[in-house]
Amino acid sequence: MEESVSASPASRPRFAPPALLGSHSAEHYLRAVTRGADRVASTVQAVDAPFSGATPDDLEPAVAAVDLDRPVRSLDAALDEVERLYLRDAVWFHHPRYLAHLNCPVAIPALLAETILAPVNSSLDTWDQSAGATLIERRLVDWAAARAGFGEAADGIFTSGGSQSNLQGLHLARDEALAAGWHLGRLRVLVSEVGHFSVAKSADLLGLGKHAVVPVACDDAFRMDPAALREELERCARYGLHPMAVVATAGTTDFGSIDPLHEVADACADAGTWLHVDAAYGCGLLVSPRRRALLDGVERADSVTVDFHKSFFQPISSSALLVRDGAKLGHVTHHADYLNPASAQVPNQVDKSLQTTRRFDALKLWLTLRTLGAEGVGELFDQVCDLAREGHALLADDPRFDVAVAPALSTLVFRVRGADDAAQRHAREALMAAGAAVVAATTVGGGQWLKLTLLNPQTTVDDLAEVLDLVAQEAAAFAGHGAAAVEEVAA
C-alpha cells in the first residue's frame, strides 16, 4: 500500500502567526508599517532629482537575479531589496521638475487612507464584504454627481481609471443603442481628433471595431469644432449609421483643451445621441474656486469620466464614472446566486460595476475632502493652472521657443525653434538621463514637440525657467552649435 503524500495536520510546516494580520499580530502590523513608512520617508527626504537616469539595461539584471522561490525571511532584508530594486530609481512625481505626464503628488490624508484600507481589505462589491464602505462610496458618488450638476436620479461607480470609466460609459451607450433596435455594425462613436486613445480601445473591446470611431476636426485651440461635429452626425444619418455616442473631452491629454460642451450637447440633443464627457483631467474644475465655469455644460452629459488621481491629488487608483440617469447602470448588472441574487434587499455596488472585487479607493478621497475641504483641493488645482499661464508667458516671450497653444488647464506644448525633430527628442532624453528633469513629448502636425504637464503646486516659475534653459541648451548642443548658438538665438 502506497504511503499518503499528504502530511498529517500536526506535521505540516506552519508560518509564524505574525505572517498574517489578525488580532494576535496587531503589534507586528504596526511595527511593519512604521518600518516601511520610515524607509519611504527617509528616501523621499533625500530625493534631489525627479529620476536617477537609470535605463532598463541598468535595472533588469538585478531584478532578474532575484530567486522568488528563496525568500530572504527578514522584513528588513526585503525592504533593503525593495529600496535597491525600486525606490532608489523611482520616478518621483512630487519633485518640482517632474513635468511629464498626468501624475500628481498625493495628498497626505489619502496616504493615511491607504494604510487603513489595505489591512482591512474590504471588497466593494457586496454589503457583506464592505458594509460602511459601500455607503461612503455611494455618498461620494452622490457628491461628485451633484458637483457635476446632475439631479437626484444620478448615480455612478468608482473605477480603476479614466480608461475604464470611458469603457463603461460607452458600454452603456452601446446597450442603449442596441435596445433601440440598432445593429452593432451600424454603430459609430464620434470623438475629437485629439481625444483619448481609450475611446478607440473601448470601441474595439465593445465589438464595434476601431473603424467605428469617427474623428472630428478641431479648431486652432484643439477643441472639437461643433460645425464639424454636425457634419459628421449628418454624414452618419445619410449612410444609415447610428452615432451611438459623442465623446467630448474636458481636458485633452496633450493640450488640456476643453471642447465647447454646450454646443456639443446641442448637437447631441438634435441627433438623439448619448453624450459622454471625458473629464479625467479637467475634473479638478468641479472644485475650483475660480475656474468652475470652464466645465459649464457638463451637466447635460449622459455620462462623465472623472479621475481623482489626476487633478484631485489622489494616489492611483481613484476614478469614477458618473451617470445622469442611474437606471442606465442596469446595463452592466448580472446576478450570481452566491453574490448578489436578485432577491437581495441590501445595497451593493457590484450591480453597477464592470469589476467584481474592488478596493475601497473611495476612502482616500473621503479623508482628503474631510481634511482639506473641496475648495482646498480646488485651490491646489487652480495653482497649477496659474503656473501654466506664467509658463506660457515665458515661452511666448522667449525667441528660443515656439508654443502650440495657450493653456486651458495646466499643460504646455512647445518646441525649440529652428531645431529638428531629432534635436527635440535628444533634449528630452538628455534631461531624463541626467536626472535633471522629466518632460514629455507629443506630435503636432506630424512634428516632434515637447510637453510640460503641471500638476505639482510646489513647482515654481523658476523651476520652469531652469528646465527651459536646459532644453534649449541640449537641443542646440545636439545640432552642433553649442551654447554659443543658444545665446545667439536668445539675442
Protein backbone atom coordinates (compact mmCIF):
# COMPACT_ATOMS: atom_id res chain seq x y z
CA MET A 1 0.00 0.00 0.00
CA GLU A 2 1.44 3.38 -1.00
CA GLU A 3 2.00 5.98 1.66
CA SER A 4 -0.19 9.04 1.55
CA VAL A 5 1.58 12.03 0.06
CA SER A 6 -0.22 14.44 2.40
CA ALA A 7 1.30 15.03 5.79
CA SER A 8 -0.80 14.93 8.91
CA PRO A 9 -2.03 18.32 10.15
CA ALA A 10 0.32 18.20 13.11
CA SER A 11 3.37 17.67 10.88
CA ARG A 12 2.62 20.32 8.27
CA PRO A 13 5.05 23.25 8.33
CA ARG A 14 3.41 26.42 9.58
CA PHE A 15 4.42 30.05 9.31
CA ALA A 16 4.65 32.07 12.48
CA PRO A 17 1.34 33.83 13.29
CA PRO A 18 2.65 37.36 12.51
CA ALA A 19 2.81 36.35 8.82
CA LEU A 20 -0.92 37.14 8.62
CA LEU A 21 -2.80 40.05 10.06
CA GLY A 22 -5.06 39.15 12.97
CA SER A 23 -5.77 40.24 16.49
CA HIS A 24 -2.63 38.41 17.61
CA SER A 25 -0.44 40.37 15.18
CA ALA A 26 -1.67 43.95 15.52
CA GLU A 27 1.63 44.90 17.12
CA HIS A 28 3.53 43.23 14.29
CA TYR A 29 1.42 45.17 11.77
CA LEU A 30 2.22 48.45 13.49
CA ARG A 31 5.94 47.71 13.55
CA ALA A 32 5.96 46.62 9.91
CA VAL A 33 4.01 49.61 8.61
CA THR A 34 6.11 52.00 10.68
CA ARG A 35 9.29 50.43 9.38
CA GLY A 36 8.13 50.69 5.77
CA ALA A 37 6.89 54.27 6.23
CA ASP A 38 10.20 55.27 7.80
CA ARG A 39 12.06 53.78 4.83
CA VAL A 40 9.92 55.67 2.31
CA ALA A 41 10.06 58.89 4.32
CA SER A 42 13.85 58.82 4.54
CA THR A 43 14.09 58.10 0.82
CA VAL A 44 11.70 60.92 -0.07
CA GLN A 45 13.60 63.27 2.22
CA ALA A 46 16.80 62.54 0.30
CA VAL A 47 15.29 62.96 -3.18
CA ASP A 48 17.10 65.72 -5.06
CA ALA A 49 16.04 64.88 -8.63
CA PRO A 50 12.88 63.56 -10.29
CA PHE A 51 14.72 60.50 -11.61
CA SER A 52 18.06 58.76 -11.31
CA GLY A 53 18.52 58.36 -15.06
CA ALA A 54 18.65 54.57 -14.81
CA THR A 55 18.00 52.60 -18.00
CA PRO A 56 16.26 49.23 -18.42
CA ASP A 57 19.68 47.68 -19.02
CA ASP A 58 20.86 49.11 -15.69
CA LEU A 59 17.98 47.68 -13.66
CA GLU A 60 16.89 44.46 -15.36
CA PRO A 61 19.82 42.21 -14.32
CA ALA A 62 19.32 42.90 -10.61
CA VAL A 63 15.60 42.14 -10.80
CA ALA A 64 16.16 39.01 -12.88
CA ALA A 65 18.72 37.75 -10.36
CA VAL A 66 16.17 37.55 -7.54
CA ASP A 67 15.15 33.95 -6.76
CA LEU A 68 11.48 34.26 -5.81
CA ASP A 69 11.47 30.69 -4.51
CA ARG A 70 14.06 31.54 -1.84
CA PRO A 71 12.65 34.23 0.48
CA VAL A 72 15.03 36.38 2.50
CA ARG A 73 12.81 35.71 5.58
CA SER A 74 13.61 39.11 7.09
CA LEU A 75 11.42 42.17 6.63
CA ASP A 76 14.45 44.45 6.89
CA ALA A 77 16.28 42.45 4.23
CA ALA A 78 13.20 42.53 1.99
CA LEU A 79 12.95 46.29 2.44
CA ASP A 80 16.63 46.65 1.58
CA GLU A 81 15.92 44.74 -1.62
CA VAL A 82 12.91 46.91 -2.46
CA GLU A 83 14.99 50.02 -1.91
CA ARG A 84 17.69 48.69 -4.24
CA LEU A 85 15.35 47.46 -6.97
CA TYR A 86 12.65 50.15 -6.85
CA LEU A 87 12.91 53.12 -4.51
CA ARG A 88 16.46 54.09 -5.46
CA ASP A 89 15.47 54.57 -9.10
CA ALA A 90 11.80 55.50 -8.74
CA VAL A 91 10.31 58.37 -10.73
CA TRP A 92 9.27 60.97 -8.16
CA PHE A 93 6.10 62.86 -9.08
CA HIS A 94 6.39 65.14 -6.05
CA HIS A 95 9.66 66.63 -7.34
CA PRO A 96 9.11 70.12 -8.82
CA ARG A 97 10.91 69.18 -12.04
CA TYR A 98 8.76 66.16 -12.80
CA LEU A 99 6.77 67.74 -15.64
CA ALA A 100 5.89 64.87 -17.96
CA HIS A 101 2.58 63.08 -17.56
CA LEU A 102 -0.70 63.45 -15.69
CA ASN A 103 0.79 62.09 -12.48
CA CYS A 104 0.32 64.16 -9.35
CA PRO A 105 1.94 64.44 -5.94
CA VAL A 106 -0.50 62.96 -3.48
CA ALA A 107 -2.39 64.45 -0.55
CA ILE A 108 -1.20 63.21 2.86
CA PRO A 109 -4.71 62.31 4.11
CA ALA A 110 -5.06 59.99 1.10
CA LEU A 111 -1.80 58.25 2.06
CA LEU A 112 -3.20 57.71 5.54
CA ALA A 113 -6.30 56.19 3.95
CA GLU A 114 -4.10 53.65 2.14
CA THR A 115 -2.76 52.41 5.49
CA ILE A 116 -6.36 51.91 6.65
CA LEU A 117 -7.99 50.35 3.61
CA ALA A 118 -5.21 47.88 2.76
CA PRO A 119 -5.11 45.92 6.04
CA VAL A 120 -8.91 45.80 6.36
CA ASN A 121 -9.04 44.72 2.70
CA SER A 122 -12.72 45.46 2.10
CA SER A 123 -14.09 44.45 -1.27
CA LEU A 124 -16.55 46.98 -2.65
CA ASP A 125 -18.90 44.54 -4.35
CA THR A 126 -21.45 43.40 -1.75
CA TRP A 127 -22.66 44.63 1.61
CA ASP A 128 -21.42 41.55 3.44
CA GLN A 129 -17.88 42.36 2.29
CA SER A 130 -17.85 46.10 2.84
CA ALA A 131 -20.79 47.44 4.92
CA GLY A 132 -20.00 51.08 5.77
CA ALA A 133 -17.52 51.31 2.89
CA THR A 134 -20.43 50.81 0.50
CA LEU A 135 -22.24 53.79 1.99
CA ILE A 136 -19.13 56.00 1.92
CA GLU A 137 -18.54 55.26 -1.77
CA ARG A 138 -22.21 55.94 -2.56
CA ARG A 139 -22.10 59.22 -0.66
CA LEU A 140 -19.02 60.34 -2.59
CA VAL A 141 -20.63 59.41 -5.91
CA ASP A 142 -23.69 61.48 -4.97
CA TRP A 143 -21.43 64.39 -4.01
CA ALA A 144 -19.43 64.27 -7.24
CA ALA A 145 -22.59 63.94 -9.35
CA ALA A 146 -24.08 66.99 -7.63
CA ARG A 147 -20.87 68.92 -8.31
CA ALA A 148 -21.28 67.99 -11.99
CA GLY A 149 -24.79 69.44 -11.92
CA PHE A 150 -26.67 66.14 -12.14
CA GLY A 151 -30.02 65.69 -10.42
CA GLU A 152 -31.27 63.20 -7.85
CA ALA A 153 -31.59 60.39 -10.41
CA ALA A 154 -27.81 60.35 -10.93
CA ASP A 155 -25.53 57.55 -9.83
CA GLY A 156 -22.09 56.20 -10.59
CA ILE A 157 -19.30 53.88 -9.56
CA PHE A 158 -15.62 54.14 -8.67
CA THR A 159 -13.29 52.63 -11.28
CA SER A 160 -9.61 51.88 -11.78
CA GLY A 161 -9.03 54.91 -14.01
CA GLY A 162 -10.19 57.04 -16.90
CA SER A 163 -9.83 54.27 -19.46
CA GLN A 164 -12.19 52.01 -17.53
CA SER A 165 -14.62 54.87 -16.94
CA ASN A 166 -14.65 55.66 -20.66
CA LEU A 167 -15.16 51.97 -21.45
CA GLN A 168 -18.14 51.71 -19.13
CA GLY A 169 -19.68 54.97 -20.36
CA LEU A 170 -19.51 53.72 -23.94
CA HIS A 171 -20.76 50.30 -22.84
CA LEU A 172 -23.93 51.98 -21.55
CA ALA A 173 -24.28 54.00 -24.76
CA ARG A 174 -23.87 50.86 -26.88
CA ASP A 175 -26.51 48.94 -24.94
CA GLU A 176 -28.92 51.87 -25.17
CA ALA A 177 -28.48 51.83 -28.95
CA LEU A 178 -28.93 48.06 -29.17
CA ALA A 179 -32.07 48.27 -27.02
CA ALA A 180 -33.42 50.82 -29.51
CA GLY A 181 -33.04 48.26 -32.30
CA TRP A 182 -29.77 49.32 -33.94
CA HIS A 183 -27.41 46.68 -35.32
CA LEU A 184 -23.91 46.58 -33.82
CA GLY A 185 -22.26 47.08 -37.20
CA ARG A 186 -24.16 50.33 -37.73
CA LEU A 187 -22.95 51.99 -34.55
CA ARG A 188 -20.39 54.80 -34.54
CA VAL A 189 -18.57 56.81 -31.84
CA LEU A 190 -17.56 60.41 -32.56
CA VAL A 191 -14.64 61.98 -30.72
CA SER A 192 -12.31 64.87 -31.44
CA GLU A 193 -9.15 64.12 -33.37
CA VAL A 194 -7.13 64.75 -30.18
CA GLY A 195 -9.40 62.72 -27.89
CA HIS A 196 -8.03 59.96 -25.69
CA PHE A 197 -6.87 56.69 -27.27
CA SER A 198 -9.01 54.74 -24.80
CA VAL A 199 -12.06 55.61 -26.93
CA ALA A 200 -10.71 53.53 -29.81
CA LYS A 201 -9.65 50.78 -27.43
CA SER A 202 -13.13 50.77 -25.86
CA ALA A 203 -14.79 50.53 -29.28
CA ASP A 204 -12.63 47.51 -30.04
CA LEU A 205 -13.46 45.83 -26.73
CA LEU A 206 -17.18 46.51 -27.22
CA GLY A 207 -17.21 44.67 -30.52
CA LEU A 208 -17.53 47.78 -32.68
CA GLY A 209 -14.02 47.75 -34.10
CA LYS A 210 -11.62 50.67 -34.23
CA HIS A 211 -13.13 51.68 -37.59
CA ALA A 212 -16.31 52.64 -35.72
CA VAL A 213 -14.54 55.64 -34.15
CA VAL A 214 -15.04 58.78 -36.23
CA PRO A 215 -12.52 61.58 -35.59
CA VAL A 216 -13.98 65.09 -35.54
CA ALA A 217 -11.89 68.07 -36.62
CA CYS A 218 -10.71 70.62 -34.06
CA ASP A 219 -10.21 74.38 -34.11
CA ASP A 220 -6.85 76.13 -33.65
CA ALA A 221 -7.10 75.64 -29.88
CA PHE A 222 -7.52 71.86 -30.29
CA ARG A 223 -11.19 71.93 -29.26
CA MET A 224 -13.81 69.92 -31.09
CA ASP A 225 -15.36 72.04 -33.87
CA PRO A 226 -19.17 71.99 -33.39
CA ALA A 227 -19.76 72.59 -37.10
CA ALA A 228 -17.53 69.64 -37.98
CA LEU A 229 -19.39 67.54 -35.42
CA ARG A 230 -22.74 68.34 -37.02
CA GLU A 231 -21.33 67.44 -40.43
CA GLU A 232 -20.20 64.04 -39.15
CA LEU A 233 -23.56 63.43 -37.46
CA GLU A 234 -25.34 64.28 -40.71
CA ARG A 235 -22.99 62.01 -42.66
CA CYS A 236 -23.80 59.12 -40.32
CA ALA A 237 -27.52 59.67 -40.87
CA ARG A 238 -27.03 59.88 -44.63
CA TYR A 239 -25.34 56.47 -44.74
CA GLY A 240 -27.72 54.76 -42.33
CA LEU A 241 -25.25 54.72 -39.47
CA HIS A 242 -26.15 55.45 -35.86
CA PRO A 243 -23.86 57.73 -33.80
CA MET A 244 -24.36 55.85 -30.54
CA ALA A 245 -22.18 58.33 -28.64
CA VAL A 246 -20.25 61.55 -28.93
CA VAL A 247 -17.25 61.80 -26.60
CA ALA A 248 -16.44 65.37 -25.64
CA THR A 249 -13.19 65.99 -23.80
CA ALA A 250 -12.78 68.32 -20.85
CA GLY A 251 -9.01 68.41 -20.68
CA THR A 252 -7.24 66.63 -23.52
CA THR A 253 -4.10 64.77 -22.53
CA ASP A 254 -1.75 66.72 -24.78
CA PHE A 255 -3.20 70.23 -24.70
CA GLY A 256 -5.62 70.39 -21.76
CA SER A 257 -8.19 71.70 -24.23
CA ILE A 258 -11.87 71.69 -23.31
CA ASP A 259 -14.43 71.03 -26.01
CA PRO A 260 -17.34 73.54 -26.22
CA LEU A 261 -19.66 71.44 -24.07
CA HIS A 262 -22.91 73.35 -24.60
CA GLU A 263 -22.55 73.37 -28.38
CA VAL A 264 -21.63 69.70 -28.42
CA ALA A 265 -24.60 68.93 -26.16
CA ASP A 266 -26.90 70.86 -28.52
CA ALA A 267 -25.72 68.75 -31.46
CA CYS A 268 -26.20 65.53 -29.47
CA ALA A 269 -29.70 66.56 -28.41
CA ASP A 270 -30.68 67.27 -32.02
CA ALA A 271 -29.30 63.90 -33.17
CA GLY A 272 -30.63 61.89 -30.22
CA THR A 273 -27.10 60.83 -29.34
CA TRP A 274 -25.60 59.83 -25.99
CA LEU A 275 -23.08 62.42 -24.77
CA HIS A 276 -20.12 61.15 -22.78
CA VAL A 277 -17.70 63.73 -21.36
CA ASP A 278 -14.17 62.56 -20.67
CA ALA A 279 -13.21 64.88 -17.81
CA ALA A 280 -10.45 62.64 -16.47
CA TYR A 281 -8.07 65.62 -16.47
CA GLY A 282 -10.44 68.55 -16.13
CA CYS A 283 -12.50 67.15 -13.24
CA GLY A 284 -10.47 69.30 -10.83
CA LEU A 285 -12.58 72.17 -12.14
CA LEU A 286 -15.53 70.69 -10.21
CA VAL A 287 -13.97 72.06 -7.01
CA SER A 288 -12.10 75.04 -8.46
CA PRO A 289 -12.93 78.31 -6.67
CA ARG A 290 -12.07 80.34 -9.79
CA ARG A 291 -12.47 78.17 -12.90
CA ARG A 292 -15.62 76.09 -12.42
CA ALA A 293 -17.28 77.90 -15.35
CA LEU A 294 -14.91 76.11 -17.76
CA LEU A 295 -16.99 72.97 -17.18
CA ASP A 296 -20.35 74.61 -17.88
CA GLY A 297 -22.41 72.22 -19.97
CA VAL A 298 -21.09 69.05 -18.31
CA GLU A 299 -24.45 68.76 -16.55
CA ARG A 300 -26.01 67.95 -19.94
CA ALA A 301 -23.89 64.83 -20.42
CA ASP A 302 -25.33 61.33 -20.07
CA SER A 303 -22.10 60.09 -18.51
CA VAL A 304 -18.89 61.68 -17.25
CA THR A 305 -15.42 60.31 -16.53
CA VAL A 306 -13.59 61.81 -13.55
CA ASP A 307 -10.07 60.91 -12.44
CA PHE A 308 -9.42 61.90 -8.85
CA HIS A 309 -5.86 60.55 -9.16
CA LYS A 310 -5.07 63.39 -11.53
CA SER A 311 -6.44 66.78 -10.51
CA PHE A 312 -7.70 65.82 -7.03
CA PHE A 313 -4.16 64.77 -5.96
CA GLN A 314 -5.10 61.20 -5.04
CA PRO A 315 -2.89 58.10 -5.16
CA ILE A 316 -3.53 55.70 -8.03
CA SER A 317 -6.12 54.43 -8.40
CA SER A 318 -9.08 56.70 -7.76
CA SER A 319 -11.51 57.35 -10.60
CA ALA A 320 -15.24 57.22 -11.21
CA LEU A 321 -17.95 57.13 -13.83
CA LEU A 322 -20.91 59.42 -13.17
CA VAL A 323 -24.24 58.81 -14.93
CA ARG A 324 -27.05 61.36 -15.14
CA ASP A 325 -29.71 58.62 -15.10
CA GLY A 326 -28.55 55.97 -12.66
CA ALA A 327 -31.01 53.44 -14.03
CA LYS A 328 -28.78 53.12 -17.12
CA LEU A 329 -26.18 51.36 -14.96
CA GLY A 330 -28.53 48.38 -15.10
CA HIS A 331 -26.91 47.51 -18.43
CA VAL A 332 -23.95 46.07 -16.52
CA THR A 333 -25.98 44.25 -13.84
CA HIS A 334 -25.63 40.47 -13.69
CA HIS A 335 -26.79 38.30 -10.81
CA ALA A 336 -24.98 35.40 -9.19
CA ASP A 337 -26.71 33.32 -6.53
CA TYR A 338 -23.65 33.27 -4.28
CA LEU A 339 -23.03 37.01 -4.54
CA ASN A 340 -25.91 39.32 -5.45
CA PRO A 341 -29.11 37.34 -6.04
CA ALA A 342 -31.95 39.36 -7.49
CA SER A 343 -33.88 38.88 -4.24
CA ALA A 344 -31.21 40.64 -2.14
CA GLN A 345 -32.56 43.63 -0.23
CA VAL A 346 -29.28 45.24 0.93
CA PRO A 347 -27.27 47.80 -1.07
CA ASN A 348 -24.39 46.57 -3.18
CA GLN A 349 -22.02 48.09 -5.72
CA VAL A 350 -21.33 45.08 -7.93
CA ASP A 351 -24.63 45.69 -9.75
CA LYS A 352 -23.14 48.92 -11.14
CA SER A 353 -19.57 47.90 -11.87
CA LEU A 354 -17.63 46.13 -14.61
CA GLN A 355 -15.48 44.74 -11.81
CA THR A 356 -16.40 42.36 -9.02
CA THR A 357 -13.64 42.71 -6.45
CA ARG A 358 -12.73 46.38 -5.98
CA ARG A 359 -10.59 48.20 -3.46
CA PHE A 360 -12.07 50.80 -1.12
CA ASP A 361 -10.32 53.57 -3.05
CA ALA A 362 -13.12 55.99 -2.19
CA LEU A 363 -11.74 56.26 1.36
CA LYS A 364 -8.75 58.21 0.05
CA LEU A 365 -10.93 60.92 -1.43
CA TRP A 366 -13.19 60.89 1.64
CA LEU A 367 -10.32 61.58 4.06
CA THR A 368 -8.88 64.23 1.72
CA LEU A 369 -12.18 66.12 1.48
CA ARG A 370 -12.84 65.82 5.20
CA THR A 371 -9.36 67.19 5.96
CA LEU A 372 -8.53 69.70 3.22
CA GLY A 373 -12.05 70.53 2.07
CA ALA A 374 -13.26 70.62 -1.52
CA GLU A 375 -12.17 74.21 -2.09
CA GLY A 376 -8.77 73.42 -0.60
CA VAL A 377 -8.27 70.76 -3.26
CA GLY A 378 -9.67 73.10 -5.92
CA GLU A 379 -7.25 75.85 -4.95
CA LEU A 380 -4.33 73.44 -5.46
CA PHE A 381 -5.60 72.75 -8.97
CA ASP A 382 -6.04 76.48 -9.60
CA GLN A 383 -2.41 76.98 -8.59
CA VAL A 384 -1.08 74.64 -11.28
CA CYS A 385 -3.37 76.26 -13.86
CA ASP A 386 -2.00 79.67 -12.81
CA LEU A 387 1.54 78.30 -13.16
CA ALA A 388 0.77 77.13 -16.70
CA ARG A 389 -0.21 80.66 -17.67
CA GLU A 390 3.02 82.02 -16.25
CA GLY A 391 4.91 79.30 -18.11
CA HIS A 392 3.11 80.20 -21.32
CA ALA A 393 4.18 83.82 -20.88
CA LEU A 394 7.80 82.67 -20.51
CA LEU A 395 7.60 80.63 -23.70
CA ALA A 396 5.76 83.30 -25.70
CA ASP A 397 8.36 85.94 -24.76
CA ASP A 398 11.37 83.71 -25.42
CA PRO A 399 12.63 83.67 -29.04
CA ARG A 400 14.19 80.24 -28.50
CA PHE A 401 10.77 78.55 -28.48
CA ASP A 402 7.54 78.09 -30.36
CA VAL A 403 4.44 77.33 -28.31
CA ALA A 404 1.47 75.40 -29.70
CA VAL A 405 -1.44 77.00 -27.87
CA ALA A 406 -2.31 78.98 -24.76
CA PRO A 407 -3.16 76.56 -21.93
CA ALA A 408 -6.76 75.92 -20.94
CA LEU A 409 -5.63 73.94 -17.90
CA SER A 410 -2.06 73.12 -16.88
CA THR A 411 -0.32 71.74 -19.98
CA LEU A 412 2.28 73.50 -22.15
CA VAL A 413 3.25 72.16 -25.58
CA PHE A 414 6.33 73.81 -27.10
CA ARG A 415 9.29 73.29 -29.39
CA VAL A 416 12.82 74.61 -29.66
CA ARG A 417 12.68 76.99 -32.60
CA GLY A 418 14.88 76.03 -35.52
CA ALA A 419 15.78 72.61 -34.10
CA ASP A 420 14.76 69.47 -35.97
CA ASP A 421 12.74 66.59 -34.53
CA ALA A 422 15.85 64.64 -33.57
CA ALA A 423 17.12 67.58 -31.51
CA GLN A 424 13.77 67.85 -29.70
CA ARG A 425 13.93 64.15 -28.83
CA HIS A 426 17.54 64.40 -27.75
CA ALA A 427 16.82 67.29 -25.40
CA ARG A 428 14.11 65.32 -23.63
CA GLU A 429 16.19 62.16 -23.38
CA ALA A 430 19.27 64.03 -22.18
CA LEU A 431 17.40 65.71 -19.34
CA MET A 432 15.95 62.40 -18.21
CA ALA A 433 19.28 60.57 -18.45
CA ALA A 434 20.89 63.24 -16.29
CA GLY A 435 18.00 63.22 -13.82
CA ALA A 436 17.70 66.98 -14.30
CA ALA A 437 14.01 66.95 -15.30
CA VAL A 438 11.36 64.68 -16.75
CA VAL A 439 9.37 66.18 -19.61
CA ALA A 440 7.03 64.55 -22.10
CA ALA A 441 6.75 64.60 -25.88
CA THR A 442 3.99 64.51 -28.45
CA THR A 443 3.42 65.26 -32.10
CA VAL A 444 1.72 68.30 -33.58
CA GLY A 445 1.20 68.46 -37.32
CA GLY A 446 3.44 65.44 -37.73
CA GLY A 447 6.39 67.09 -35.96
CA GLN A 448 8.03 66.37 -32.61
CA TRP A 449 7.05 68.75 -29.80
CA LEU A 450 7.80 68.75 -26.09
CA LYS A 451 5.26 68.94 -23.30
CA LEU A 452 5.19 70.13 -19.70
CA THR A 453 2.29 68.76 -17.67
CA LEU A 454 1.99 70.75 -14.47
CA LEU A 455 0.26 69.01 -11.57
CA ASN A 456 2.59 69.93 -8.72
CA PRO A 457 1.60 73.07 -6.78
CA GLN A 458 5.16 73.23 -5.42
CA THR A 459 6.68 73.72 -8.88
CA THR A 460 7.63 77.36 -9.44
CA VAL A 461 8.19 79.63 -12.41
CA ASP A 462 11.91 79.47 -11.61
CA ASP A 463 11.76 75.67 -11.99
CA LEU A 464 10.15 76.08 -15.40
CA ALA A 465 12.70 78.67 -16.49
CA GLU A 466 15.57 76.40 -15.47
CA VAL A 467 14.13 73.42 -17.34
CA LEU A 468 13.51 75.50 -20.47
CA ASP A 469 17.12 76.70 -20.39
CA LEU A 470 18.32 73.10 -20.18
CA VAL A 471 16.07 72.04 -23.05
CA ALA A 472 17.34 74.83 -25.28
CA GLN A 473 20.97 74.10 -24.42
CA GLU A 474 20.65 70.37 -25.10
CA ALA A 475 18.84 70.90 -28.41
CA ALA A 476 21.45 73.39 -29.58
CA ALA A 477 24.34 71.15 -28.48
CA PHE A 478 22.83 68.23 -30.39
CA ALA A 479 22.63 70.37 -33.51
CA GLY A 480 26.35 71.02 -33.17
CA HIS A 481 26.04 74.68 -32.32
CA GLY A 482 26.73 74.54 -28.59
CA ALA A 483 25.92 77.16 -26.01
CA ALA A 484 27.07 79.98 -28.24
CA ALA A 485 24.26 79.28 -30.69
CA VAL A 486 21.75 79.29 -27.86
CA GLU A 487 22.92 82.71 -26.76
CA GLU A 488 22.83 83.95 -30.36
CA VAL A 489 19.20 82.82 -30.80
CA ALA A 490 18.23 84.41 -27.48
CA ALA A 491 19.84 87.69 -28.54
